[in-house]
Full PDB file with SEQRES, HELIX, SHEET, SSBOND, CRYST1, ORIGX, SCALE, CONECT and MASTER records, all heavy atoms in Angstrom:
SEQRES   1 A   30  GLU LYS ASP ILE ARG LYS THR ARG ALA THR ILE ASN ASN          
SEQRES   2 A   30  HIS LEU ASP LYS LEU GLN GLU ASP LEU LEU LYS GLN LEU          
SEQRES   3 A   30  ASN ALA VAL GLU                                              
HELIX    1 AA1 LYS A    2  ARG A    8  1                                   7    
HELIX    2 AA2 ASN A   13  LEU A   15  5                                   3    
HELIX    3 AA3 ASP A   16  VAL A   29  1                                  14    
CRYST1    1.000    1.000    1.000  90.00  90.00  90.00 P 1           1          
ORIGX1      1.000000  0.000000  0.000000        0.00000                         
ORIGX2      0.000000  1.000000  0.000000        0.00000                         
ORIGX3      0.000000  0.000000  1.000000        0.00000                         
SCALE1      1.000000  0.000000  0.000000        0.00000                         
SCALE2      0.000000  1.000000  0.000000        0.00000                         
SCALE3      0.000000  0.000000  1.000000        0.00000                         
ATOM      1  N   GLU A   1     -18.298  -1.876 -17.117  1.00  0.00           N  
ATOM      2  CA  GLU A   1     -17.410  -0.721 -17.080  1.00  0.00           C  
ATOM      3  C   GLU A   1     -18.200   0.581 -17.132  1.00  0.00           C  
ATOM      4  O   GLU A   1     -17.900   1.543 -16.425  1.00  0.00           O  
ATOM      5  CB  GLU A   1     -16.430  -0.786 -18.249  1.00  0.00           C  
ATOM      6  CG  GLU A   1     -15.285  -1.774 -18.062  1.00  0.00           C  
ATOM      7  CD  GLU A   1     -14.285  -1.699 -19.205  1.00  0.00           C  
ATOM      8  OE1 GLU A   1     -14.623  -1.101 -20.242  1.00  0.00           O  
ATOM      9  OE2 GLU A   1     -13.184  -2.238 -19.050  1.00  0.00           O  
ATOM     10  N   LYS A   2     -19.240   0.595 -17.968  1.00  0.00           N  
ATOM     11  CA  LYS A   2     -20.070   1.791 -18.077  1.00  0.00           C  
ATOM     12  C   LYS A   2     -20.775   2.081 -16.765  1.00  0.00           C  
ATOM     13  O   LYS A   2     -20.841   3.245 -16.315  1.00  0.00           O  
ATOM     14  CB  LYS A   2     -21.090   1.587 -19.200  1.00  0.00           C  
ATOM     15  CG  LYS A   2     -21.956   2.799 -19.468  1.00  0.00           C  
ATOM     16  CD  LYS A   2     -22.912   2.527 -20.627  1.00  0.00           C  
ATOM     17  CE  LYS A   2     -23.798   3.746 -20.889  1.00  0.00           C  
ATOM     18  NZ  LYS A   2     -24.740   3.485 -22.014  1.00  0.00           N  
ATOM     19  N   ASP A   3     -21.313   1.032 -16.124  1.00  0.00           N  
ATOM     20  CA  ASP A   3     -21.977   1.217 -14.827  1.00  0.00           C  
ATOM     21  C   ASP A   3     -21.003   1.703 -13.765  1.00  0.00           C  
ATOM     22  O   ASP A   3     -21.327   2.569 -12.940  1.00  0.00           O  
ATOM     23  CB  ASP A   3     -22.622  -0.097 -14.379  1.00  0.00           C  
ATOM     24  CG  ASP A   3     -23.804  -0.492 -15.247  1.00  0.00           C  
ATOM     25  OD1 ASP A   3     -24.340   0.395 -15.940  1.00  0.00           O  
ATOM     26  OD2 ASP A   3     -24.175  -1.678 -15.234  1.00  0.00           O  
ATOM     27  N   ILE A   4     -19.799   1.109 -13.793  1.00  0.00           N  
ATOM     28  CA  ILE A   4     -18.794   1.497 -12.800  1.00  0.00           C  
ATOM     29  C   ILE A   4     -18.424   2.971 -12.965  1.00  0.00           C  
ATOM     30  O   ILE A   4     -18.370   3.748 -11.994  1.00  0.00           O  
ATOM     31  CB  ILE A   4     -17.548   0.604 -12.929  1.00  0.00           C  
ATOM     32  CG1 ILE A   4     -17.901  -0.838 -12.528  1.00  0.00           C  
ATOM     33  CG2 ILE A   4     -16.407   1.106 -12.047  1.00  0.00           C  
ATOM     34  CD1 ILE A   4     -16.798  -1.831 -12.800  1.00  0.00           C  
ATOM     35  N   ARG A   5     -18.196   3.396 -14.189  1.00  0.00           N  
ATOM     36  CA  ARG A   5     -17.775   4.778 -14.435  1.00  0.00           C  
ATOM     37  C   ARG A   5     -18.912   5.763 -14.154  1.00  0.00           C  
ATOM     38  O   ARG A   5     -18.676   6.889 -13.690  1.00  0.00           O  
ATOM     39  CB  ARG A   5     -17.276   4.929 -15.871  1.00  0.00           C  
ATOM     40  CG  ARG A   5     -16.055   4.064 -16.157  1.00  0.00           C  
ATOM     41  CD  ARG A   5     -15.510   4.275 -17.553  1.00  0.00           C  
ATOM     42  NE  ARG A   5     -14.466   3.312 -17.840  1.00  0.00           N  
ATOM     43  CZ  ARG A   5     -13.217   3.399 -17.400  1.00  0.00           C  
ATOM     44  NH1 ARG A   5     -12.864   4.424 -16.649  1.00  0.00           N  
ATOM     45  NH2 ARG A   5     -12.321   2.484 -17.708  1.00  0.00           N  
ATOM     46  N   LYS A   6     -20.163   5.345 -14.431  1.00  0.00           N  
ATOM     47  CA  LYS A   6     -21.305   6.216 -14.145  1.00  0.00           C  
ATOM     48  C   LYS A   6     -21.460   6.418 -12.649  1.00  0.00           C  
ATOM     49  O   LYS A   6     -21.732   7.529 -12.170  1.00  0.00           O  
ATOM     50  CB  LYS A   6     -22.574   5.585 -14.730  1.00  0.00           C  
ATOM     51  CG  LYS A   6     -23.812   6.433 -14.519  1.00  0.00           C  
ATOM     52  CD  LYS A   6     -25.028   5.770 -15.155  1.00  0.00           C  
ATOM     53  CE  LYS A   6     -26.270   6.602 -14.932  1.00  0.00           C  
ATOM     54  NZ  LYS A   6     -27.482   5.961 -15.536  1.00  0.00           N  
ATOM     55  N   THR A   7     -21.286   5.316 -11.894  1.00  0.00           N  
ATOM     56  CA  THR A   7     -21.371   5.425 -10.438  1.00  0.00           C  
ATOM     57  C   THR A   7     -20.214   6.251  -9.889  1.00  0.00           C  
ATOM     58  O   THR A   7     -20.380   7.058  -8.964  1.00  0.00           O  
ATOM     59  CB  THR A   7     -21.372   4.022  -9.813  1.00  0.00           C  
ATOM     60  OG1 THR A   7     -22.447   3.270 -10.359  1.00  0.00           O  
ATOM     61  CG2 THR A   7     -21.531   4.088  -8.304  1.00  0.00           C  
ATOM     62  N   ARG A   8     -19.043   6.007 -10.504  1.00  0.00           N  
ATOM     63  CA  ARG A   8     -17.845   6.712 -10.030  1.00  0.00           C  
ATOM     64  C   ARG A   8     -17.976   8.230 -10.173  1.00  0.00           C  
ATOM     65  O   ARG A   8     -17.434   9.013  -9.379  1.00  0.00           O  
ATOM     66  CB  ARG A   8     -16.633   6.220 -10.839  1.00  0.00           C  
ATOM     67  CG  ARG A   8     -15.326   6.892 -10.480  1.00  0.00           C  
ATOM     68  CD  ARG A   8     -14.922   6.548  -9.055  1.00  0.00           C  
ATOM     69  NE  ARG A   8     -13.710   7.247  -8.658  1.00  0.00           N  
ATOM     70  CZ  ARG A   8     -13.657   8.501  -8.220  1.00  0.00           C  
ATOM     71  NH1 ARG A   8     -14.768   9.211  -8.136  1.00  0.00           N  
ATOM     72  NH2 ARG A   8     -12.511   9.039  -7.872  1.00  0.00           N  
ATOM     73  N   ALA A   9     -18.748   8.690 -11.197  1.00  0.00           N  
ATOM     74  CA  ALA A   9     -18.905  10.122 -11.445  1.00  0.00           C  
ATOM     75  C   ALA A   9     -19.667  10.818 -10.339  1.00  0.00           C  
ATOM     76  O   ALA A   9     -19.600  12.041 -10.234  1.00  0.00           O  
ATOM     77  CB  ALA A   9     -19.596  10.330 -12.785  1.00  0.00           C  
ATOM     78  N   THR A  10     -20.437  10.084  -9.529  1.00  0.00           N  
ATOM     79  CA  THR A  10     -21.275  10.680  -8.495  1.00  0.00           C  
ATOM     80  C   THR A  10     -20.584  10.750  -7.141  1.00  0.00           C  
ATOM     81  O   THR A  10     -21.159  11.224  -6.173  1.00  0.00           O  
ATOM     82  CB  THR A  10     -22.576   9.867  -8.369  1.00  0.00           C  
ATOM     83  OG1 THR A  10     -22.260   8.550  -7.941  1.00  0.00           O  
ATOM     84  CG2 THR A  10     -23.333   9.842  -9.677  1.00  0.00           C  
ATOM     85  N   ILE A  11     -19.395  10.226  -7.036  1.00  0.00           N  
ATOM     86  CA  ILE A  11     -18.688  10.240  -5.754  1.00  0.00           C  
ATOM     87  C   ILE A  11     -17.389  10.996  -5.883  1.00  0.00           C  
ATOM     88  O   ILE A  11     -16.983  11.384  -6.983  1.00  0.00           O  
ATOM     89  CB  ILE A  11     -18.479   8.797  -5.266  1.00  0.00           C  
ATOM     90  CG1 ILE A  11     -17.676   7.992  -6.271  1.00  0.00           C  
ATOM     91  CG2 ILE A  11     -19.793   8.116  -4.979  1.00  0.00           C  
ATOM     92  CD1 ILE A  11     -17.412   6.568  -5.864  1.00  0.00           C  
ATOM     93  N   ASN A  12     -16.692  11.203  -4.768  1.00  0.00           N  
ATOM     94  CA  ASN A  12     -15.497  12.057  -4.760  1.00  0.00           C  
ATOM     95  C   ASN A  12     -14.227  11.285  -5.077  1.00  0.00           C  
ATOM     96  O   ASN A  12     -14.245  10.086  -5.330  1.00  0.00           O  
ATOM     97  CB  ASN A  12     -15.370  12.786  -3.408  1.00  0.00           C  
ATOM     98  CG  ASN A  12     -15.349  11.806  -2.262  1.00  0.00           C  
ATOM     99  OD1 ASN A  12     -14.761  10.742  -2.352  1.00  0.00           O  
ATOM    100  ND2 ASN A  12     -16.004  12.161  -1.160  1.00  0.00           N  
ATOM    101  N   ASN A  13     -13.122  12.024  -5.047  1.00  0.00           N  
ATOM    102  CA  ASN A  13     -11.833  11.463  -5.447  1.00  0.00           C  
ATOM    103  C   ASN A  13     -11.334  10.356  -4.522  1.00  0.00           C  
ATOM    104  O   ASN A  13     -10.379   9.650  -4.863  1.00  0.00           O  
ATOM    105  CB  ASN A  13     -10.783  12.580  -5.505  1.00  0.00           C  
ATOM    106  CG  ASN A  13     -11.093  13.579  -6.586  1.00  0.00           C  
ATOM    107  OD1 ASN A  13     -11.721  13.230  -7.587  1.00  0.00           O  
ATOM    108  ND2 ASN A  13     -10.665  14.824  -6.393  1.00  0.00           N  
ATOM    109  N   HIS A  14     -12.001  10.198  -3.376  1.00  0.00           N  
ATOM    110  CA  HIS A  14     -11.579   9.152  -2.440  1.00  0.00           C  
ATOM    111  C   HIS A  14     -11.718   7.754  -3.037  1.00  0.00           C  
ATOM    112  O   HIS A  14     -11.058   6.808  -2.607  1.00  0.00           O  
ATOM    113  CB  HIS A  14     -12.399   9.266  -1.146  1.00  0.00           C  
ATOM    114  CG  HIS A  14     -12.103   8.194  -0.151  1.00  0.00           C  
ATOM    115  ND1 HIS A  14     -10.946   8.144   0.605  1.00  0.00           N  
ATOM    116  CD2 HIS A  14     -12.828   7.092   0.219  1.00  0.00           C  
ATOM    117  CE1 HIS A  14     -10.962   7.083   1.388  1.00  0.00           C  
ATOM    118  NE2 HIS A  14     -12.096   6.424   1.175  1.00  0.00           N  
ATOM    119  N   LEU A  15     -12.584   7.632  -4.066  1.00  0.00           N  
ATOM    120  CA  LEU A  15     -12.854   6.315  -4.653  1.00  0.00           C  
ATOM    121  C   LEU A  15     -11.956   5.994  -5.851  1.00  0.00           C  
ATOM    122  O   LEU A  15     -12.156   4.967  -6.501  1.00  0.00           O  
ATOM    123  CB  LEU A  15     -14.320   6.221  -5.084  1.00  0.00           C  
ATOM    124  CG  LEU A  15     -15.348   6.394  -3.968  1.00  0.00           C  
ATOM    125  CD1 LEU A  15     -16.747   6.352  -4.533  1.00  0.00           C  
ATOM    126  CD2 LEU A  15     -15.180   5.336  -2.910  1.00  0.00           C  
ATOM    127  N   ASP A  16     -11.004   6.883  -6.190  1.00  0.00           N  
ATOM    128  CA  ASP A  16     -10.165   6.640  -7.377  1.00  0.00           C  
ATOM    129  C   ASP A  16      -9.407   5.312  -7.276  1.00  0.00           C  
ATOM    130  O   ASP A  16      -9.376   4.516  -8.228  1.00  0.00           O  
ATOM    131  CB  ASP A  16      -9.158   7.784  -7.563  1.00  0.00           C  
ATOM    132  CG  ASP A  16      -9.843   9.028  -8.103  1.00  0.00           C  
ATOM    133  OD1 ASP A  16     -10.975   8.887  -8.632  1.00  0.00           O  
ATOM    134  OD2 ASP A  16      -9.256  10.101  -8.009  1.00  0.00           O  
ATOM    135  N   LYS A  17      -8.783   5.072  -6.145  1.00  0.00           N  
ATOM    136  CA  LYS A  17      -8.012   3.859  -5.987  1.00  0.00           C  
ATOM    137  C   LYS A  17      -8.912   2.614  -5.996  1.00  0.00           C  
ATOM    138  O   LYS A  17      -8.548   1.563  -6.565  1.00  0.00           O  
ATOM    139  CB  LYS A  17      -7.200   3.903  -4.695  1.00  0.00           C  
ATOM    140  CG  LYS A  17      -6.242   2.721  -4.538  1.00  0.00           C  
ATOM    141  CD  LYS A  17      -5.430   2.835  -3.272  1.00  0.00           C  
ATOM    142  CE  LYS A  17      -4.434   1.675  -3.186  1.00  0.00           C  
ATOM    143  NZ  LYS A  17      -5.069   0.373  -3.244  1.00  0.00           N  
ATOM    144  N   LEU A  18     -10.078   2.731  -5.313  1.00  0.00           N  
ATOM    145  CA  LEU A  18     -11.006   1.589  -5.284  1.00  0.00           C  
ATOM    146  C   LEU A  18     -11.499   1.254  -6.687  1.00  0.00           C  
ATOM    147  O   LEU A  18     -11.668   0.076  -7.038  1.00  0.00           O  
ATOM    148  CB  LEU A  18     -12.190   1.894  -4.364  1.00  0.00           C  
ATOM    149  CG  LEU A  18     -11.858   2.139  -2.891  1.00  0.00           C  
ATOM    150  CD1 LEU A  18     -13.129   2.441  -2.115  1.00  0.00           C  
ATOM    151  CD2 LEU A  18     -11.141   0.935  -2.298  1.00  0.00           C  
ATOM    152  N   GLN A  19     -11.747   2.298  -7.481  1.00  0.00           N  
ATOM    153  CA  GLN A  19     -12.185   2.064  -8.866  1.00  0.00           C  
ATOM    154  C   GLN A  19     -11.102   1.331  -9.654  1.00  0.00           C  
ATOM    155  O   GLN A  19     -11.390   0.390 -10.418  1.00  0.00           O  
ATOM    156  CB  GLN A  19     -12.526   3.388  -9.537  1.00  0.00           C  
ATOM    157  CG  GLN A  19     -12.858   3.227 -11.044  1.00  0.00           C  
ATOM    158  CD  GLN A  19     -13.112   4.557 -11.706  1.00  0.00           C  
ATOM    159  OE1 GLN A  19     -13.999   5.296 -11.313  1.00  0.00           O  
ATOM    160  NE2 GLN A  19     -12.318   4.860 -12.709  1.00  0.00           N  
ATOM    161  N   GLU A  20      -9.862   1.747  -9.501  1.00  0.00           N  
ATOM    162  CA  GLU A  20      -8.762   1.116 -10.218  1.00  0.00           C  
ATOM    163  C   GLU A  20      -8.618  -0.351  -9.822  1.00  0.00           C  
ATOM    164  O   GLU A  20      -8.404  -1.221 -10.684  1.00  0.00           O  
ATOM    165  CB  GLU A  20      -7.468   1.870  -9.915  1.00  0.00           C  
ATOM    166  CG  GLU A  20      -6.252   1.308 -10.657  1.00  0.00           C  
ATOM    167  CD  GLU A  20      -4.993   2.081 -10.315  1.00  0.00           C  
ATOM    168  OE1 GLU A  20      -5.092   3.064  -9.549  1.00  0.00           O  
ATOM    169  OE2 GLU A  20      -3.935   1.687 -10.810  1.00  0.00           O  
ATOM    170  N   ASP A  21      -8.769  -0.655  -8.525  1.00  0.00           N  
ATOM    171  CA  ASP A  21      -8.680  -2.039  -8.063  1.00  0.00           C  
ATOM    172  C   ASP A  21      -9.785  -2.904  -8.667  1.00  0.00           C  
ATOM    173  O   ASP A  21      -9.548  -4.058  -9.045  1.00  0.00           O  
ATOM    174  CB  ASP A  21      -8.760  -2.090  -6.531  1.00  0.00           C  
ATOM    175  CG  ASP A  21      -7.544  -1.453  -5.872  1.00  0.00           C  
ATOM    176  OD1 ASP A  21      -6.509  -1.316  -6.557  1.00  0.00           O  
ATOM    177  OD2 ASP A  21      -7.641  -1.087  -4.682  1.00  0.00           O  
ATOM    178  N   LEU A  22     -10.974  -2.353  -8.740  1.00  0.00           N  
ATOM    179  CA  LEU A  22     -12.091  -3.138  -9.274  1.00  0.00           C  
ATOM    180  C   LEU A  22     -11.928  -3.408 -10.763  1.00  0.00           C  
ATOM    181  O   LEU A  22     -12.215  -4.505 -11.251  1.00  0.00           O  
ATOM    182  CB  LEU A  22     -13.417  -2.415  -9.018  1.00  0.00           C  
ATOM    183  CG  LEU A  22     -14.666  -3.181  -9.423  1.00  0.00           C  
ATOM    184  CD1 LEU A  22     -14.782  -4.494  -8.652  1.00  0.00           C  
ATOM    185  CD2 LEU A  22     -15.919  -2.356  -9.213  1.00  0.00           C  
ATOM    186  N   LEU A  23     -11.436  -2.394 -11.492  1.00  0.00           N  
ATOM    187  CA  LEU A  23     -11.210  -2.601 -12.928  1.00  0.00           C  
ATOM    188  C   LEU A  23     -10.138  -3.663 -13.168  1.00  0.00           C  
ATOM    189  O   LEU A  23     -10.225  -4.453 -14.108  1.00  0.00           O  
ATOM    190  CB  LEU A  23     -10.805  -1.279 -13.598  1.00  0.00           C  
ATOM    191  CG  LEU A  23     -11.919  -0.230 -13.712  1.00  0.00           C  
ATOM    192  CD1 LEU A  23     -11.367   1.073 -14.274  1.00  0.00           C  
ATOM    193  CD2 LEU A  23     -13.055  -0.749 -14.580  1.00  0.00           C  
ATOM    194  N   LYS A  24      -9.122  -3.665 -12.297  1.00  0.00           N  
ATOM    195  CA  LYS A  24      -8.110  -4.705 -12.420  1.00  0.00           C  
ATOM    196  C   LYS A  24      -8.710  -6.077 -12.154  1.00  0.00           C  
ATOM    197  O   LYS A  24      -8.394  -7.063 -12.839  1.00  0.00           O  
ATOM    198  CB  LYS A  24      -6.967  -4.437 -11.432  1.00  0.00           C  
ATOM    199  CG  LYS A  24      -6.076  -3.276 -11.816  1.00  0.00           C  
ATOM    200  CD  LYS A  24      -4.961  -3.099 -10.802  1.00  0.00           C  
ATOM    201  CE  LYS A  24      -4.039  -1.946 -11.198  1.00  0.00           C  
ATOM    202  NZ  LYS A  24      -2.953  -1.754 -10.199  1.00  0.00           N  
ATOM    203  N   GLN A  25      -9.586  -6.137 -11.161  1.00  0.00           N  
ATOM    204  CA  GLN A  25     -10.244  -7.415 -10.858  1.00  0.00           C  
ATOM    205  C   GLN A  25     -11.114  -7.878 -12.028  1.00  0.00           C  
ATOM    206  O   GLN A  25     -11.122  -9.059 -12.396  1.00  0.00           O  
ATOM    207  CB  GLN A  25     -11.107  -7.280  -9.603  1.00  0.00           C  
ATOM    208  CG  GLN A  25     -11.811  -8.581  -9.220  1.00  0.00           C  
ATOM    209  CD  GLN A  25     -12.836  -8.378  -8.113  1.00  0.00           C  
ATOM    210  OE1 GLN A  25     -12.988  -7.293  -7.585  1.00  0.00           O  
ATOM    211  NE2 GLN A  25     -13.537  -9.456  -7.772  1.00  0.00           N  
ATOM    212  N   LEU A  26     -11.829  -6.924 -12.621  1.00  0.00           N  
ATOM    213  CA  LEU A  26     -12.686  -7.243 -13.759  1.00  0.00           C  
ATOM    214  C   LEU A  26     -11.877  -7.817 -14.916  1.00  0.00           C  
ATOM    215  O   LEU A  26     -12.217  -8.848 -15.496  1.00  0.00           O  
ATOM    216  CB  LEU A  26     -13.437  -5.987 -14.202  1.00  0.00           C  
ATOM    217  CG  LEU A  26     -14.244  -6.098 -15.509  1.00  0.00           C  
ATOM    218  CD1 LEU A  26     -15.359  -7.134 -15.359  1.00  0.00           C  
ATOM    219  CD2 LEU A  26     -14.810  -4.743 -15.896  1.00  0.00           C  
ATOM    220  N   ASN A  27     -10.774  -7.148 -15.250  1.00  0.00           N  
ATOM    221  CA  ASN A  27      -9.943  -7.612 -16.357  1.00  0.00           C  
ATOM    222  C   ASN A  27      -9.296  -8.968 -16.052  1.00  0.00           C  
ATOM    223  O   ASN A  27      -9.162  -9.819 -16.931  1.00  0.00           O  
ATOM    224  CB  ASN A  27      -8.854  -6.580 -16.671  1.00  0.00           C  
ATOM    225  CG  ASN A  27      -9.428  -5.302 -17.278  1.00  0.00           C  
ATOM    226  OD1 ASN A  27     -10.435  -5.343 -17.979  1.00  0.00           O  
ATOM    227  ND2 ASN A  27      -8.805  -4.171 -16.994  1.00  0.00           N  
ATOM    228  N   ALA A  28      -8.906  -9.139 -14.779  1.00  0.00           N  
ATOM    229  CA  ALA A  28      -8.279 -10.406 -14.404  1.00  0.00           C  
ATOM    230  C   ALA A  28      -9.259 -11.563 -14.511  1.00  0.00           C  
ATOM    231  O   ALA A  28      -8.926 -12.646 -15.013  1.00  0.00           O  
ATOM    232  CB  ALA A  28      -7.717 -10.310 -12.981  1.00  0.00           C  
ATOM    233  N   VAL A  29     -10.494 -11.348 -14.039  1.00  0.00           N  
ATOM    234  CA  VAL A  29     -11.513 -12.404 -14.107  1.00  0.00           C  
ATOM    235  C   VAL A  29     -11.853 -12.725 -15.553  1.00  0.00           C  
ATOM    236  O   VAL A  29     -11.968 -13.886 -15.947  1.00  0.00           O  
ATOM    237  CB  VAL A  29     -12.777 -11.979 -13.333  1.00  0.00           C  
ATOM    238  CG1 VAL A  29     -13.905 -12.985 -13.567  1.00  0.00           C  
ATOM    239  CG2 VAL A  29     -12.481 -11.883 -11.841  1.00  0.00           C  
ATOM    240  N   GLU A  30     -11.996 -11.653 -16.372  1.00  0.00           N  
ATOM    241  CA  GLU A  30     -12.325 -11.898 -17.782  1.00  0.00           C  
ATOM    242  C   GLU A  30     -11.187 -12.627 -18.494  1.00  0.00           C  
ATOM    243  O   GLU A  30     -11.414 -13.550 -19.282  1.00  0.00           O  
ATOM    244  CB  GLU A  30     -12.613 -10.578 -18.488  1.00  0.00           C  
ATOM    245  CG  GLU A  30     -13.064 -10.791 -19.937  1.00  0.00           C  
ATOM    246  CD  GLU A  30     -12.861  -9.567 -20.789  1.00  0.00           C  
ATOM    247  OE1 GLU A  30     -12.073  -8.678 -20.398  1.00  0.00           O  
ATOM    248  OE2 GLU A  30     -13.482  -9.508 -21.866  1.00  0.00           O  
TER     249      GLU A  30                                                      
MASTER        0    0    0    3    0    0    0    6  248    1    0    3          
END                                                                             
């Protein structure tokens, strides 16, 4: 999660939805 959020800080708002999808995938797998 920390890596994802750190990477997310360097890109624009276009990635907001992609970030949310990945976090959902992470929680689902865990």
